[in-house]
C-alpha atoms as a PDB file:
ATOM      1  CA  GLN A   1      51.162   4.509  -6.111  1.00  0.00           C
ATOM      2  CA  VAL A   2      49.487   2.269  -3.556  1.00  0.00           C
ATOM      3  CA  THR A   3      45.820   3.027  -2.841  1.00  0.00           C
ATOM      4  CA  LEU A   4      43.993   2.216   0.355  1.00  0.00           C
ATOM      5  CA  VAL A   5      40.872   0.114  -0.211  1.00  0.00           C
ATOM      6  CA  GLU A   6      37.625   1.712   0.909  1.00  0.00           C
ATOM      7  CA  SER A   7      34.167   0.209   1.099  1.00  0.00           C
ATOM      8  CA  GLY A   8      30.792   1.272   2.425  1.00  0.00           C
ATOM      9  CA  VAL A   9      29.324   3.594  -0.189  1.00  0.00           C
ATOM     10  CA  GLY A  10      25.842   4.524   0.845  1.00  0.00           C
ATOM     11  CA  LEU A  11      22.621   6.452   0.445  1.00  0.00           C
ATOM     12  CA  VAL A  12      20.837   7.012   3.732  1.00  0.00           C
ATOM     13  CA  GLN A  13      18.067   9.205   5.102  1.00  0.00           C
ATOM     14  CA  ALA A  14      18.794  11.928   7.623  1.00  0.00           C
ATOM     15  CA  ALA A  15      19.320  10.545  11.151  1.00  0.00           C
ATOM     16  CA  GLY A  16      20.554   7.267   9.710  1.00  0.00           C
ATOM     17  CA  SER A  17      23.954   5.593  10.080  1.00  0.00           C
ATOM     18  CA  LEU A  18      26.743   4.305   7.875  1.00  0.00           C
ATOM     19  CA  ARG A  19      30.138   2.741   8.562  1.00  0.00           C
ATOM     20  CA  PRO A  20      32.650   2.979   5.739  1.00  0.00           C
ATOM     21  CA  SER A  21      35.877   1.034   6.141  1.00  0.00           C
ATOM     22  CA  CYS A  22      39.423   1.441   4.865  1.00  0.00           C
ATOM     23  CA  ALA A  23      41.959  -1.373   4.521  1.00  0.00           C
ATOM     24  CA  VAL A  24      45.703  -0.802   4.359  1.00  0.00           C
ATOM     25  CA  PRO A  25      47.397  -3.121   1.827  1.00  0.00           C
ATOM     26  CA  SER A  26      49.959  -5.450   3.367  1.00  0.00           C
ATOM     27  CA  ILE A  27      52.683  -3.984   1.159  1.00  0.00           C
ATOM     28  CA  LEU A  28      52.609  -0.897   3.391  1.00  0.00           C
ATOM     29  CA  LEU A  29      53.887  -0.620   6.926  1.00  0.00           C
ATOM     30  CA  SER A  30      51.235  -0.383   9.609  1.00  0.00           C
ATOM     31  CA  PRO A  31      50.620   3.331  10.111  1.00  0.00           C
ATOM     32  CA  HIS A  32      50.696   5.051  13.451  1.00  0.00           C
ATOM     33  CA  VAL A  33      48.044   7.608  12.528  1.00  0.00           C
ATOM     34  CA  MET A  34      44.923   7.120  10.439  1.00  0.00           C
ATOM     35  CA  ARG A  35      42.640   9.883   9.212  1.00  0.00           C
ATOM     36  CA  TRP A  36      39.338  10.380   7.446  1.00  0.00           C
ATOM     37  CA  TYR A  37      38.664  13.364   5.195  1.00  0.00           C
ATOM     38  CA  ARG A  38      35.647  14.419   3.219  1.00  0.00           C
ATOM     39  CA  GLN A  39      35.019  16.667   0.264  1.00  0.00           C
ATOM     40  CA  ALA A  40      31.653  18.022  -0.743  1.00  0.00           C
ATOM     41  CA  PRO A  41      31.047  19.506  -4.216  1.00  0.00           C
ATOM     42  CA  GLY A  42      32.558  22.963  -4.445  1.00  0.00           C
ATOM     43  CA  ASN A  43      34.290  22.642  -1.073  1.00  0.00           C
ATOM     44  CA  GLN A  44      37.853  21.981  -0.023  1.00  0.00           C
ATOM     45  CA  ARG A  45      38.762  18.621   1.419  1.00  0.00           C
ATOM     46  CA  GLU A  46      38.482  18.722   5.214  1.00  0.00           C
ATOM     47  CA  MET A  47      39.656  16.340   7.901  1.00  0.00           C
ATOM     48  CA  VAL A  48      36.833  14.893   9.974  1.00  0.00           C
ATOM     49  CA  ALA A  49      38.575  12.354  12.232  1.00  0.00           C
ATOM     50  CA  VAL A  50      42.031  11.202  13.257  1.00  0.00           C
ATOM     51  CA  VAL A  51      43.317   8.454  15.529  1.00  0.00           C
ATOM     52  CA  ALA A  52      46.836   7.439  16.515  1.00  0.00           C
ATOM     53  CA  ASP A  53      47.789   4.015  17.826  1.00  0.00           C
ATOM     54  CA  THR A  54      48.561   5.459  21.240  1.00  0.00           C
ATOM     55  CA  GLY A  55      46.356   8.528  21.341  1.00  0.00           C
ATOM     56  CA  VAL A  56      42.839   9.744  21.829  1.00  0.00           C
ATOM     57  CA  PRO A  57      40.718  10.235  18.686  1.00  0.00           C
ATOM     58  CA  ASP A  58      39.987  13.759  17.567  1.00  0.00           C
ATOM     59  CA  TYR A  59      37.161  15.061  15.411  1.00  0.00           C
ATOM     60  CA  ALA A  60      36.069  18.107  13.484  1.00  0.00           C
ATOM     61  CA  ASN A  61      33.565  20.142  15.466  1.00  0.00           C
ATOM     62  CA  SER A  62      30.911  19.461  12.843  1.00  0.00           C
ATOM     63  CA  VAL A  63      30.946  15.710  13.574  1.00  0.00           C
ATOM     64  CA  LYS A  64      31.819  15.537  17.276  1.00  0.00           C
ATOM     65  CA  GLY A  65      29.391  13.383  19.187  1.00  0.00           C
ATOM     66  CA  ARG A  66      28.103  11.748  15.977  1.00  0.00           C
ATOM     67  CA  PHE A  67      31.117  10.097  14.315  1.00  0.00           C
ATOM     68  CA  VAL A  68      33.485   7.546  15.821  1.00  0.00           C
ATOM     69  CA  ILE A  69      36.806   6.529  14.283  1.00  0.00           C
ATOM     70  CA  SER A  70      38.247   3.144  15.163  1.00  0.00           C
ATOM     71  CA  ARG A  71      40.821   0.686  13.896  1.00  0.00           C
ATOM     72  CA  ASP A  72      41.342  -3.065  13.889  1.00  0.00           C
ATOM     73  CA  PHE A  73      45.095  -3.661  14.023  1.00  0.00           C
ATOM     74  CA  ALA A  74      44.833  -7.344  13.104  1.00  0.00           C
ATOM     75  CA  LYS A  75      42.815  -6.561   9.969  1.00  0.00           C
ATOM     76  CA  ARG A  76      44.839  -3.411   9.172  1.00  0.00           C
ATOM     77  CA  THR A  77      41.518  -1.640   8.769  1.00  0.00           C
ATOM     78  CA  GLN A  78      40.032   1.570  10.065  1.00  0.00           C
ATOM     79  CA  TYR A  79      36.362   2.456  10.286  1.00  0.00           C
ATOM     80  CA  LEU A  80      34.272   5.581  10.529  1.00  0.00           C
ATOM     81  CA  GLN A  81      30.998   4.983  12.322  1.00  0.00           C
ATOM     82  CA  MET A  82      28.712   7.818  11.266  1.00  0.00           C
ATOM     83  CA  ASN A  83      25.522   8.294  13.268  1.00  0.00           C
ATOM     84  CA  SER A  84      22.759  10.885  13.214  1.00  0.00           C
ATOM     85  CA  LEU A  85      23.709  11.776   9.667  1.00  0.00           C
ATOM     86  CA  LYS A  86      22.645  15.108   8.241  1.00  0.00           C
ATOM     87  CA  PRO A  87      22.257  16.239   4.620  1.00  0.00           C
ATOM     88  CA  GLU A  88      25.313  18.455   5.092  1.00  0.00           C
ATOM     89  CA  ASP A  89      27.383  15.309   5.701  1.00  0.00           C
ATOM     90  CA  THR A  90      26.925  14.438   2.032  1.00  0.00           C
ATOM     91  CA  ALA A  91      30.393  14.177   0.512  1.00  0.00           C
ATOM     92  CA  VAL A  92      33.031  11.822  -0.798  1.00  0.00           C
ATOM     93  CA  TYR A  93      34.892  10.390   2.179  1.00  0.00           C
ATOM     94  CA  TYR A  94      38.576   9.499   1.934  1.00  0.00           C
ATOM     95  CA  CYS A  95      40.824   7.662   4.336  1.00  0.00           C
ATOM     96  CA  MET A  96      44.455   8.672   4.537  1.00  0.00           C
ATOM     97  CA  ILE A  97      47.633   7.465   6.186  1.00  0.00           C
ATOM     98  CA  LYS A  98      51.126   8.890   6.151  1.00  0.00           C
ATOM     99  CA  ILE A  99      54.202   6.693   6.091  1.00  0.00           C
ATOM    100  CA  GLY A 100      57.439   8.604   6.111  1.00  0.00           C
ATOM    101  CA  LEU A 101      56.960  11.555   3.765  1.00  0.00           C
ATOM    102  CA  THR A 102      54.284   9.891   1.636  1.00  0.00           C
ATOM    103  CA  ASN A 103      50.517  10.251   1.980  1.00  0.00           C
ATOM    104  CA  TYR A 104      48.409   7.298   0.893  1.00  0.00           C
ATOM    105  CA  TRP A 105      44.742   7.811   0.089  1.00  0.00           C
ATOM    106  CA  GLY A 106      41.710   5.643  -0.397  1.00  0.00           C
ATOM    107  CA  GLN A 107      39.774   5.815  -3.654  1.00  0.00           C
ATOM    108  CA  GLY A 108      36.903   7.670  -2.009  1.00  0.00           C
ATOM    109  CA  THR A 109      33.476   6.578  -0.777  1.00  0.00           C
ATOM    110  CA  GLN A 110      30.352   8.498  -1.772  1.00  0.00           C
ATOM    111  CA  VAL A 111      28.036   9.165   1.151  1.00  0.00           C
ATOM    112  CA  THR A 112      24.688  10.773   0.342  1.00  0.00           C
ATOM    113  CA  VAL A 113      22.263  11.811   3.062  1.00  0.00           C
ATOM    114  CA  SER A 114      18.747  12.685   1.977  1.00  0.00           C
ATOM    115  CA  SER A 115      16.466  14.952   3.967  1.00  0.00           C
END
């Protein structure tokens, strides 16, 4: 199973910013849609941001106005700019793409926001 390559693990104080990234290995086709999920301890995994190559980004209500998803087609990389972070944003963040019927996930990036 091919794994997307994430980077950007971080510990930040509330109101700070982080920008994890996610690279798609060249063995995979370039995806049309890229997503970010997060999972906090004891919670289900939830989608926080999605962007298609021809569409407008969409966000979970909890992060609207604070997070920005973007992608660099040449580098086959997507980013999640996270601003005005709150302690409740603490979670493991995962990027995900779907090619055909298969979902490909990143290994997960721990984001911890202290109050």
